[in-house]
Amino acid sequence: MTIVFTIVTLSVLGILSAVILYAVAQKFKVQGDPRVDQVEAALPLANCGGCGYAGCRNFAEACVAAEDLTDLYCPVGGQACMDAVADILGKKVSQKDPLIAVIRCQGSYAHRAKTSLYDSAPACSIAASLYGGDTGCAYGCLGLGDCVKACKFQAIFMNPDTGLPEVIDDKCTACGACVKACPRFIIELRRRGPKNRRIFVSCINQDKGPVAKKSCAVACIGCGLCVKACPFEAITLKNNLAYIDHEKCRLCRKCAPVCPTHAIVEMNLPELKAASEPAGVKSSA
C-alpha cells in the first residue's frame, strides 16, 4: 500500500505541476510576429550565412525589425527574393546588381614552378599558417581546396590540370563562404556583369615587378599601363598591384591588351579581332 500511495502521490504532483507550468506559459508567452514566418517562407532557406546572419530565420527577423531593407540582402535569393520580402513587409528595398565569386590567381602549374613539397594536413588554412607556400609566390592559391569544402552549392571545384579553383557561373550564389574560407584572400565577390561578362586583375601579388614576374609568369608587375589606358578611372595602382573597380568598369576592354603579363582576365567576352590570345594563358578563372 505504501508503494501504491507513493506512486499515486507522485503522479498527482506531476500532473498538477504540468498544469501550473502550462498556465504560466500561456499567461506570459510572447506572441511572435506572423510576418517572420511569411518572410522566411519567401527566402531560399539555404542557411548559408551569406546575408550576414546565422540562418534564414534570423535574417527574416532582421527584415521585420528593420525600418527599411536598404542594408539587408539575400545573395542566394537575389533581387527577386528581396522584392518579394519588400512586398510582404511593405518596405523599400534597394536594387543591387548580382554578384559572383572570382578567382584572383592564375598561378597554375605552367606559370608557377614548385620550390618545395608540402607534406602535411591537406588544408589551405593550415598550410598558410606554416609557411609561404610551395612556390615562389607567397600570395597565390595554395591549391588544397578549402574553398571547395566551404561551398554548399557545389559551385566551385579544383581543376586538376591547373591546380586552381574554378567557379561554375550557373551555380554560384555569391554567398561568400569561399571568400571567408580562403586564407590567402584570392577569392572576391564582384558584379556578375551583363551577360556574365566581367574584367578583373587575376593577381594579388604585391611584390615589386621583377620579383613578382620571377615567381609567376602571369603576375601583375605594377607597371601602370592599364591605369593609363582606362578612360573611366576604374583602375588604381597600390602596393605594386593594379585593381579594377567593378562599379566603375564599363567593359571597354582597353586595359587587357596593354597588360604585358596578361594578368587581366576577360570573362565571357568575345575575342578581339586585333588581339591574339597569349600562348598558355586562359581567359577564365
Protein backbone atom coordinates (compact mmCIF):
# COMPACT_ATOMS: atom_id res chain seq x y z
CA MET A 1 0.00 0.00 0.00
CA THR A 2 2.87 2.34 0.74
CA ILE A 3 4.27 1.84 -2.78
CA VAL A 4 0.85 2.41 -4.37
CA PHE A 5 0.28 5.55 -2.27
CA THR A 6 3.71 6.89 -3.26
CA ILE A 7 3.08 6.29 -6.96
CA VAL A 8 -0.35 7.95 -6.83
CA THR A 9 1.01 10.92 -4.90
CA LEU A 10 3.88 11.49 -7.31
CA SER A 11 1.56 11.16 -10.30
CA VAL A 12 -0.85 13.74 -8.88
CA LEU A 13 2.01 16.12 -8.11
CA GLY A 14 3.39 15.66 -11.63
CA ILE A 15 0.01 16.40 -13.21
CA LEU A 16 -0.54 19.47 -11.02
CA SER A 17 2.96 20.76 -11.84
CA ALA A 18 2.34 20.30 -15.55
CA VAL A 19 -0.98 22.18 -15.33
CA ILE A 20 0.65 25.03 -13.40
CA LEU A 21 3.56 25.28 -15.86
CA TYR A 22 1.16 25.30 -18.81
CA ALA A 23 -0.95 28.04 -17.24
CA VAL A 24 2.12 30.16 -16.51
CA ALA A 25 3.46 29.64 -20.04
CA GLN A 26 0.15 30.71 -21.56
CA LYS A 27 -0.04 33.71 -19.25
CA PHE A 28 3.40 35.08 -20.07
CA LYS A 29 4.00 33.82 -23.61
CA VAL A 30 5.18 36.34 -26.17
CA GLN A 31 3.29 36.39 -29.42
CA GLY A 32 5.65 36.29 -32.39
CA ASP A 33 5.15 38.48 -35.42
CA PRO A 34 3.46 36.28 -38.06
CA ARG A 35 5.31 38.22 -40.77
CA VAL A 36 8.53 36.49 -39.74
CA ASP A 37 7.10 33.17 -40.93
CA GLN A 38 5.93 34.77 -44.17
CA VAL A 39 9.33 36.32 -44.87
CA GLU A 40 11.12 33.09 -44.02
CA ALA A 41 8.91 31.20 -46.47
CA ALA A 42 9.91 33.65 -49.21
CA LEU A 43 13.63 33.01 -48.61
CA PRO A 44 15.58 30.17 -50.25
CA LEU A 45 16.20 28.55 -46.81
CA ALA A 46 19.81 27.80 -47.70
CA ASN A 47 21.03 28.91 -44.24
CA CYS A 48 24.39 29.73 -45.81
CA GLY A 49 25.13 32.88 -43.81
CA GLY A 50 25.76 34.93 -46.93
CA CYS A 51 23.37 37.62 -45.67
CA GLY A 52 25.46 38.10 -42.54
CA TYR A 53 23.07 36.27 -40.24
CA ALA A 54 23.26 32.77 -38.77
CA GLY A 55 20.34 31.50 -40.81
CA CYS A 56 17.27 32.41 -42.83
CA ARG A 57 15.11 32.66 -39.70
CA ASN A 58 17.45 35.22 -38.17
CA PHE A 59 17.52 37.15 -41.43
CA ALA A 60 13.71 37.14 -41.59
CA GLU A 61 13.52 38.54 -38.06
CA ALA A 62 16.01 41.26 -39.00
CA CYS A 63 13.93 42.20 -42.05
CA VAL A 64 10.77 42.51 -39.97
CA ALA A 65 12.51 44.60 -37.30
CA ALA A 66 14.28 46.94 -39.75
CA GLU A 67 12.73 50.23 -40.82
CA ASP A 68 13.78 49.57 -44.41
CA LEU A 69 15.66 46.84 -46.29
CA THR A 70 18.44 49.01 -47.68
CA ASP A 71 21.21 47.26 -45.75
CA LEU A 72 19.70 43.78 -45.94
CA TYR A 73 20.21 41.46 -48.88
CA CYS A 74 19.93 37.74 -49.55
CA PRO A 75 22.62 36.85 -52.13
CA VAL A 76 21.18 33.40 -52.79
CA GLY A 77 17.64 34.58 -53.50
CA GLY A 78 18.82 37.70 -55.28
CA GLN A 79 16.81 40.75 -56.16
CA ALA A 80 13.61 38.80 -56.90
CA CYS A 81 13.66 37.36 -53.39
CA MET A 82 14.22 40.76 -51.78
CA ASP A 83 11.41 42.26 -53.86
CA ALA A 84 9.08 39.54 -52.52
CA VAL A 85 10.19 40.29 -48.94
CA ALA A 86 9.59 44.01 -49.53
CA ASP A 87 6.06 43.27 -50.79
CA ILE A 88 5.28 41.23 -47.67
CA LEU A 89 6.52 43.90 -45.31
CA GLY A 90 5.54 46.95 -47.31
CA LYS A 91 9.06 48.34 -47.07
CA LYS A 92 11.53 49.78 -49.53
CA VAL A 93 14.38 47.69 -50.89
CA SER A 94 17.40 48.90 -52.80
CA GLN A 95 18.24 47.48 -56.22
CA LYS A 96 21.55 45.64 -56.25
CA ASP A 97 23.49 44.04 -59.06
CA PRO A 98 24.00 40.29 -58.68
CA LEU A 99 27.49 39.26 -57.61
CA ILE A 100 29.66 36.26 -58.33
CA ALA A 101 32.88 34.84 -56.91
CA VAL A 102 36.03 35.25 -58.99
CA ILE A 103 39.46 33.69 -58.53
CA ARG A 104 42.20 36.31 -58.47
CA CYS A 105 45.07 33.97 -59.23
CA GLN A 106 46.34 32.43 -62.48
CA GLY A 107 49.32 30.72 -60.90
CA SER A 108 48.80 27.32 -62.49
CA TYR A 109 51.44 24.60 -62.72
CA ALA A 110 52.54 26.09 -66.03
CA HIS A 111 53.05 29.58 -64.59
CA ARG A 112 54.43 28.88 -61.12
CA ALA A 113 57.21 26.40 -60.56
CA LYS A 114 57.21 24.49 -57.29
CA THR A 115 60.11 25.24 -54.99
CA SER A 116 59.22 22.84 -52.17
CA LEU A 117 56.90 19.96 -51.30
CA TYR A 118 54.08 20.38 -48.80
CA ASP A 119 53.59 17.21 -46.76
CA SER A 120 51.08 17.88 -44.02
CA ALA A 121 47.33 18.16 -43.42
CA PRO A 122 45.54 18.93 -46.73
CA ALA A 123 44.07 22.29 -45.75
CA CYS A 124 44.89 25.77 -47.02
CA SER A 125 44.33 27.26 -43.57
CA ILE A 126 47.00 25.01 -42.08
CA ALA A 127 49.44 25.43 -44.95
CA ALA A 128 49.10 29.22 -44.82
CA SER A 129 49.96 29.25 -41.13
CA LEU A 130 53.03 27.04 -41.58
CA TYR A 131 54.95 28.67 -44.42
CA GLY A 132 54.80 30.85 -47.52
CA GLY A 133 53.73 28.12 -49.92
CA ASP A 134 55.32 25.57 -52.22
CA THR A 135 56.08 28.10 -54.98
CA GLY A 136 57.95 31.38 -55.17
CA CYS A 137 54.70 33.36 -54.84
CA ALA A 138 53.72 33.95 -51.23
CA TYR A 139 50.35 35.42 -52.25
CA GLY A 140 48.78 32.91 -54.66
CA CYS A 141 46.46 29.94 -54.31
CA LEU A 142 47.67 27.08 -52.11
CA GLY A 143 45.55 24.60 -54.07
CA LEU A 144 44.28 22.49 -51.16
CA GLY A 145 40.59 23.22 -51.71
CA ASP A 146 39.32 24.92 -48.55
CA CYS A 147 37.04 26.99 -50.78
CA VAL A 148 35.57 23.84 -52.36
CA LYS A 149 34.80 22.34 -48.95
CA ALA A 150 33.14 25.56 -47.79
CA CYS A 151 30.75 25.87 -50.76
CA LYS A 152 27.29 24.45 -50.05
CA PHE A 153 26.17 24.80 -53.64
CA GLN A 154 28.93 22.82 -55.40
CA ALA A 155 29.71 25.94 -57.37
CA ILE A 156 33.49 25.68 -57.14
CA PHE A 157 35.93 22.88 -57.91
CA MET A 158 39.66 22.29 -58.17
CA ASN A 159 40.92 21.95 -61.74
CA PRO A 160 43.42 19.06 -61.72
CA ASP A 161 45.22 20.44 -64.77
CA THR A 162 45.95 23.87 -63.28
CA GLY A 163 45.78 23.17 -59.55
CA LEU A 164 43.49 26.19 -59.18
CA PRO A 165 39.84 26.51 -58.14
CA GLU A 166 37.26 27.38 -60.78
CA VAL A 167 33.81 28.86 -60.27
CA ILE A 168 30.73 27.50 -62.04
CA ASP A 169 28.79 30.60 -63.03
CA ASP A 170 25.35 28.99 -63.08
CA LYS A 171 25.72 27.56 -59.57
CA CYS A 172 27.43 30.42 -57.73
CA THR A 173 25.08 32.29 -55.40
CA ALA A 174 27.65 34.78 -54.07
CA CYS A 175 27.09 33.56 -50.52
CA GLY A 176 30.71 34.43 -49.72
CA ALA A 177 31.58 31.15 -47.97
CA CYS A 178 34.55 30.56 -50.28
CA VAL A 179 35.78 34.12 -49.72
CA LYS A 180 35.87 33.56 -45.96
CA ALA A 181 37.46 30.12 -46.30
CA CYS A 182 40.46 31.28 -48.37
CA PRO A 183 43.40 32.24 -46.09
CA ARG A 184 45.13 33.99 -49.00
CA PHE A 185 42.08 36.15 -49.87
CA ILE A 186 42.37 35.36 -53.58
CA ILE A 187 38.58 34.98 -53.97
CA GLU A 188 36.48 38.11 -54.35
CA LEU A 189 32.80 38.82 -54.90
CA ARG A 190 32.38 41.04 -57.93
CA ARG A 191 29.48 42.23 -60.04
CA ARG A 192 28.33 39.40 -62.29
CA GLY A 193 28.10 41.82 -65.19
CA PRO A 194 25.83 41.94 -68.25
CA LYS A 195 25.72 38.54 -69.94
CA ASN A 196 28.13 37.29 -67.26
CA ARG A 197 30.86 39.49 -68.74
CA ARG A 198 33.49 40.95 -66.44
CA ILE A 199 37.10 42.06 -66.38
CA PHE A 200 39.43 41.91 -63.39
CA VAL A 201 43.07 41.66 -62.41
CA SER A 202 43.62 37.99 -61.61
CA CYS A 203 46.55 38.51 -59.26
CA ILE A 204 47.10 39.68 -55.70
CA ASN A 205 50.90 39.64 -55.66
CA GLN A 206 52.21 42.83 -54.06
CA ASP A 207 55.90 42.19 -54.69
CA LYS A 208 57.79 44.56 -56.94
CA GLY A 209 57.67 43.82 -60.65
CA PRO A 210 60.85 41.76 -61.12
CA VAL A 211 60.19 39.66 -58.03
CA ALA A 212 56.55 39.05 -58.92
CA LYS A 213 57.37 38.15 -62.52
CA LYS A 214 60.08 35.72 -61.41
CA SER A 215 57.68 33.86 -59.11
CA CYS A 216 54.77 33.75 -61.58
CA ALA A 217 54.73 34.31 -65.34
CA VAL A 218 51.30 35.98 -65.29
CA ALA A 219 51.72 38.12 -62.17
CA CYS A 220 50.83 41.80 -62.10
CA ILE A 221 54.09 43.75 -62.13
CA GLY A 222 52.56 47.13 -61.25
CA CYS A 223 53.65 48.80 -64.48
CA GLY A 224 50.56 51.04 -64.54
CA LEU A 225 49.88 50.71 -68.27
CA CYS A 226 46.31 49.58 -67.58
CA VAL A 227 45.74 52.62 -65.36
CA LYS A 228 46.76 54.94 -68.19
CA ALA A 229 44.64 53.05 -70.73
CA CYS A 230 41.39 53.15 -68.74
CA PRO A 231 39.19 56.11 -69.78
CA PHE A 232 36.82 55.67 -66.82
CA GLU A 233 39.35 55.83 -63.96
CA ALA A 234 38.25 52.36 -62.91
CA ILE A 235 41.79 51.07 -62.31
CA THR A 236 44.02 52.02 -59.42
CA LEU A 237 47.57 51.02 -58.59
CA LYS A 238 48.51 50.39 -54.97
CA ASN A 239 51.32 48.36 -53.42
CA ASN A 240 52.62 47.32 -56.84
CA LEU A 241 49.23 45.83 -57.72
CA ALA A 242 46.56 47.02 -60.13
CA TYR A 243 42.89 46.72 -59.18
CA ILE A 244 39.78 47.20 -61.33
CA ASP A 245 36.74 48.69 -59.59
CA HIS A 246 33.79 46.69 -60.90
CA GLU A 247 31.43 49.55 -60.09
CA LYS A 248 33.28 51.88 -62.46
CA CYS A 249 34.36 49.42 -65.14
CA ARG A 250 32.43 49.77 -68.41
CA LEU A 251 34.00 46.75 -70.14
CA CYS A 252 35.66 48.96 -72.73
CA ARG A 253 38.45 46.34 -72.94
CA LYS A 254 41.27 48.83 -73.32
CA CYS A 255 43.20 47.55 -70.32
CA ALA A 256 43.73 43.87 -71.09
CA PRO A 257 45.59 44.32 -74.41
CA VAL A 258 48.21 46.61 -72.84
CA CYS A 259 48.99 44.31 -69.90
CA PRO A 260 52.45 42.85 -70.62
CA THR A 261 51.95 39.79 -68.40
CA HIS A 262 48.30 39.11 -69.27
CA ALA A 263 47.34 39.44 -65.60
CA ILE A 264 44.00 40.99 -66.59
CA VAL A 265 41.31 38.39 -67.26
CA GLU A 266 38.30 38.91 -69.53
CA MET A 267 35.41 36.59 -68.68
CA ASN A 268 32.82 35.52 -71.27
CA LEU A 269 33.78 38.28 -73.71
CA PRO A 270 34.18 37.67 -77.45
CA GLU A 271 37.68 37.60 -78.85
CA LEU A 272 39.04 40.89 -80.12
CA LYS A 273 39.88 40.70 -83.78
CA ALA A 274 43.01 42.75 -83.37
CA ALA A 275 44.18 40.88 -80.28
CA SER A 276 45.76 37.47 -80.17
CA GLU A 277 45.41 35.08 -77.23
CA PRO A 278 48.75 34.63 -75.45
CA ALA A 279 50.00 31.09 -75.51
CA GLY A 280 49.29 29.10 -72.39
CA VAL A 281 47.05 31.74 -70.79
CA LYS A 282 43.36 31.01 -70.37
CA SER A 283 40.71 33.72 -70.31
CA SER A 284 38.82 32.17 -67.47
CA ALA A 285 39.14 31.65 -63.75
